[in-house]
Amino acid sequence: MVVGSPLFMTLDLLGVKVYEYAGLFAESTRSRENMGRLISRIEELMKEEEEARKKVKEAEGNKRKSWYRTLRDRLV
């Protein structure tokens, strides 16, 4: 896990919630059934996050943002 930490940190900065699933992943690799559950759960969470982003985007409407505000929102 120590070797993968920089990779996990990079993915975390990109919005992938790796640390939440690292322990579950280690457990799930022992069984195909658990691996399938893990994959389906990650897909569910990704869909929920995408739907939440769409709702926020729809709520904002066509409100135009400055380039600085857009960059700040993506980095935060």
C-alpha atoms as a PDB file:
ATOM      1  CA  MET A   1       0.000   0.000   0.000  1.00  0.00           C
ATOM      2  CA  VAL A   2       2.930   2.359   0.609  1.00  0.00           C
ATOM      3  CA  VAL A   3       4.044   2.158  -3.017  1.00  0.00           C
ATOM      4  CA  GLY A   4       0.533   2.906  -4.242  1.00  0.00           C
ATOM      5  CA  SER A   5       0.023   5.895  -1.947  1.00  0.00           C
ATOM      6  CA  PRO A   6       1.161   8.549  -4.472  1.00  0.00           C
ATOM      7  CA  LEU A   7      -1.134   6.964  -7.041  1.00  0.00           C
ATOM      8  CA  PHE A   8      -4.029   6.923  -4.567  1.00  0.00           C
ATOM      9  CA  MET A   9      -3.383  10.544  -3.629  1.00  0.00           C
ATOM     10  CA  THR A  10      -3.358  11.571  -7.297  1.00  0.00           C
ATOM     11  CA  LEU A  11      -6.604   9.737  -7.979  1.00  0.00           C
ATOM     12  CA  ASP A  12      -8.108  11.307  -4.852  1.00  0.00           C
ATOM     13  CA  LEU A  13      -7.205  14.772  -6.166  1.00  0.00           C
ATOM     14  CA  LEU A  14      -8.953  13.895  -9.423  1.00  0.00           C
ATOM     15  CA  GLY A  15     -12.113  13.052  -7.520  1.00  0.00           C
ATOM     16  CA  VAL A  16     -11.787   9.269  -7.387  1.00  0.00           C
ATOM     17  CA  LYS A  17     -12.518   8.230  -3.809  1.00  0.00           C
ATOM     18  CA  VAL A  18      -9.855   5.552  -3.602  1.00  0.00           C
ATOM     19  CA  TYR A  19      -9.203   5.616   0.123  1.00  0.00           C
ATOM     20  CA  GLU A  20     -12.836   4.829   0.888  1.00  0.00           C
ATOM     21  CA  TYR A  21     -12.594   1.601  -1.068  1.00  0.00           C
ATOM     22  CA  ALA A  22      -8.998   0.486  -0.437  1.00  0.00           C
ATOM     23  CA  GLY A  23      -9.884  -1.798   2.483  1.00  0.00           C
ATOM     24  CA  LEU A  24     -12.937  -3.154   0.733  1.00  0.00           C
ATOM     25  CA  PHE A  25     -10.864  -3.803  -2.366  1.00  0.00           C
ATOM     26  CA  ALA A  26      -8.261  -5.767  -0.417  1.00  0.00           C
ATOM     27  CA  GLU A  27     -11.014  -7.941   1.068  1.00  0.00           C
ATOM     28  CA  SER A  28     -12.866  -8.343  -2.196  1.00  0.00           C
ATOM     29  CA  THR A  29      -9.949  -9.678  -4.195  1.00  0.00           C
ATOM     30  CA  ARG A  30     -10.300 -12.953  -2.329  1.00  0.00           C
ATOM     31  CA  SER A  31     -13.630 -13.772  -3.969  1.00  0.00           C
ATOM     32  CA  ARG A  32     -15.180 -13.206  -7.411  1.00  0.00           C
ATOM     33  CA  GLU A  33     -18.561 -12.588  -5.814  1.00  0.00           C
ATOM     34  CA  ASN A  34     -17.146  -9.828  -3.629  1.00  0.00           C
ATOM     35  CA  MET A  35     -15.304  -8.341  -6.597  1.00  0.00           C
ATOM     36  CA  GLY A  36     -18.590  -8.177  -8.530  1.00  0.00           C
ATOM     37  CA  ARG A  37     -20.275  -6.439  -5.605  1.00  0.00           C
ATOM     38  CA  LEU A  38     -17.441  -3.939  -5.370  1.00  0.00           C
ATOM     39  CA  ILE A  39     -17.629  -3.120  -9.063  1.00  0.00           C
ATOM     40  CA  SER A  40     -21.395  -2.677  -9.002  1.00  0.00           C
ATOM     41  CA  ARG A  41     -21.197  -0.466  -5.895  1.00  0.00           C
ATOM     42  CA  ILE A  42     -18.560   1.758  -7.488  1.00  0.00           C
ATOM     43  CA  GLU A  43     -20.709   2.042 -10.620  1.00  0.00           C
ATOM     44  CA  GLU A  44     -23.730   3.013  -8.490  1.00  0.00           C
ATOM     45  CA  LEU A  45     -21.745   5.696  -6.689  1.00  0.00           C
ATOM     46  CA  MET A  46     -20.396   7.058  -9.960  1.00  0.00           C
ATOM     47  CA  LYS A  47     -23.935   7.287 -11.379  1.00  0.00           C
ATOM     48  CA  GLU A  48     -25.162   9.061  -8.235  1.00  0.00           C
ATOM     49  CA  GLU A  49     -22.317  11.545  -8.430  1.00  0.00           C
ATOM     50  CA  GLU A  50     -22.960  12.183 -12.131  1.00  0.00           C
ATOM     51  CA  GLU A  51     -26.673  12.772 -11.437  1.00  0.00           C
ATOM     52  CA  ALA A  52     -25.794  15.188  -8.649  1.00  0.00           C
ATOM     53  CA  ARG A  53     -23.482  17.090 -10.992  1.00  0.00           C
ATOM     54  CA  LYS A  54     -26.205  17.263 -13.634  1.00  0.00           C
ATOM     55  CA  LYS A  55     -28.668  18.654 -11.084  1.00  0.00           C
ATOM     56  CA  VAL A  56     -26.202  21.326 -10.026  1.00  0.00           C
ATOM     57  CA  LYS A  57     -25.518  22.196 -13.634  1.00  0.00           C
ATOM     58  CA  GLU A  58     -29.248  22.440 -14.395  1.00  0.00           C
ATOM     59  CA  ALA A  59     -29.796  24.581 -11.297  1.00  0.00           C
ATOM     60  CA  GLU A  60     -27.114  26.977 -12.444  1.00  0.00           C
ATOM     61  CA  GLY A  61     -28.762  27.175 -15.830  1.00  0.00           C
ATOM     62  CA  ASN A  62     -26.991  29.128 -18.465  1.00  0.00           C
ATOM     63  CA  LYS A  63     -25.368  31.427 -15.944  1.00  0.00           C
ATOM     64  CA  ARG A  64     -21.999  32.259 -17.404  1.00  0.00           C
ATOM     65  CA  LYS A  65     -18.997  32.115 -15.079  1.00  0.00           C
ATOM     66  CA  SER A  66     -15.671  33.814 -15.388  1.00  0.00           C
ATOM     67  CA  TRP A  67     -12.704  31.641 -16.317  1.00  0.00           C
ATOM     68  CA  TYR A  68     -11.227  32.185 -12.851  1.00  0.00           C
ATOM     69  CA  ARG A  69     -14.386  31.028 -11.048  1.00  0.00           C
ATOM     70  CA  THR A  70     -14.695  27.974 -13.313  1.00  0.00           C
ATOM     71  CA  LEU A  71     -11.081  27.008 -12.652  1.00  0.00           C
ATOM     72  CA  ARG A  72     -11.497  27.516  -8.907  1.00  0.00           C
ATOM     73  CA  ASP A  73     -14.639  25.372  -8.828  1.00  0.00           C
ATOM     74  CA  ARG A  74     -12.905  22.532 -10.641  1.00  0.00           C
ATOM     75  CA  LEU A  75      -9.886  22.624  -8.351  1.00  0.00           C
ATOM     76  CA  VAL A  76     -11.934  22.737  -5.157  1.00  0.00           C
END
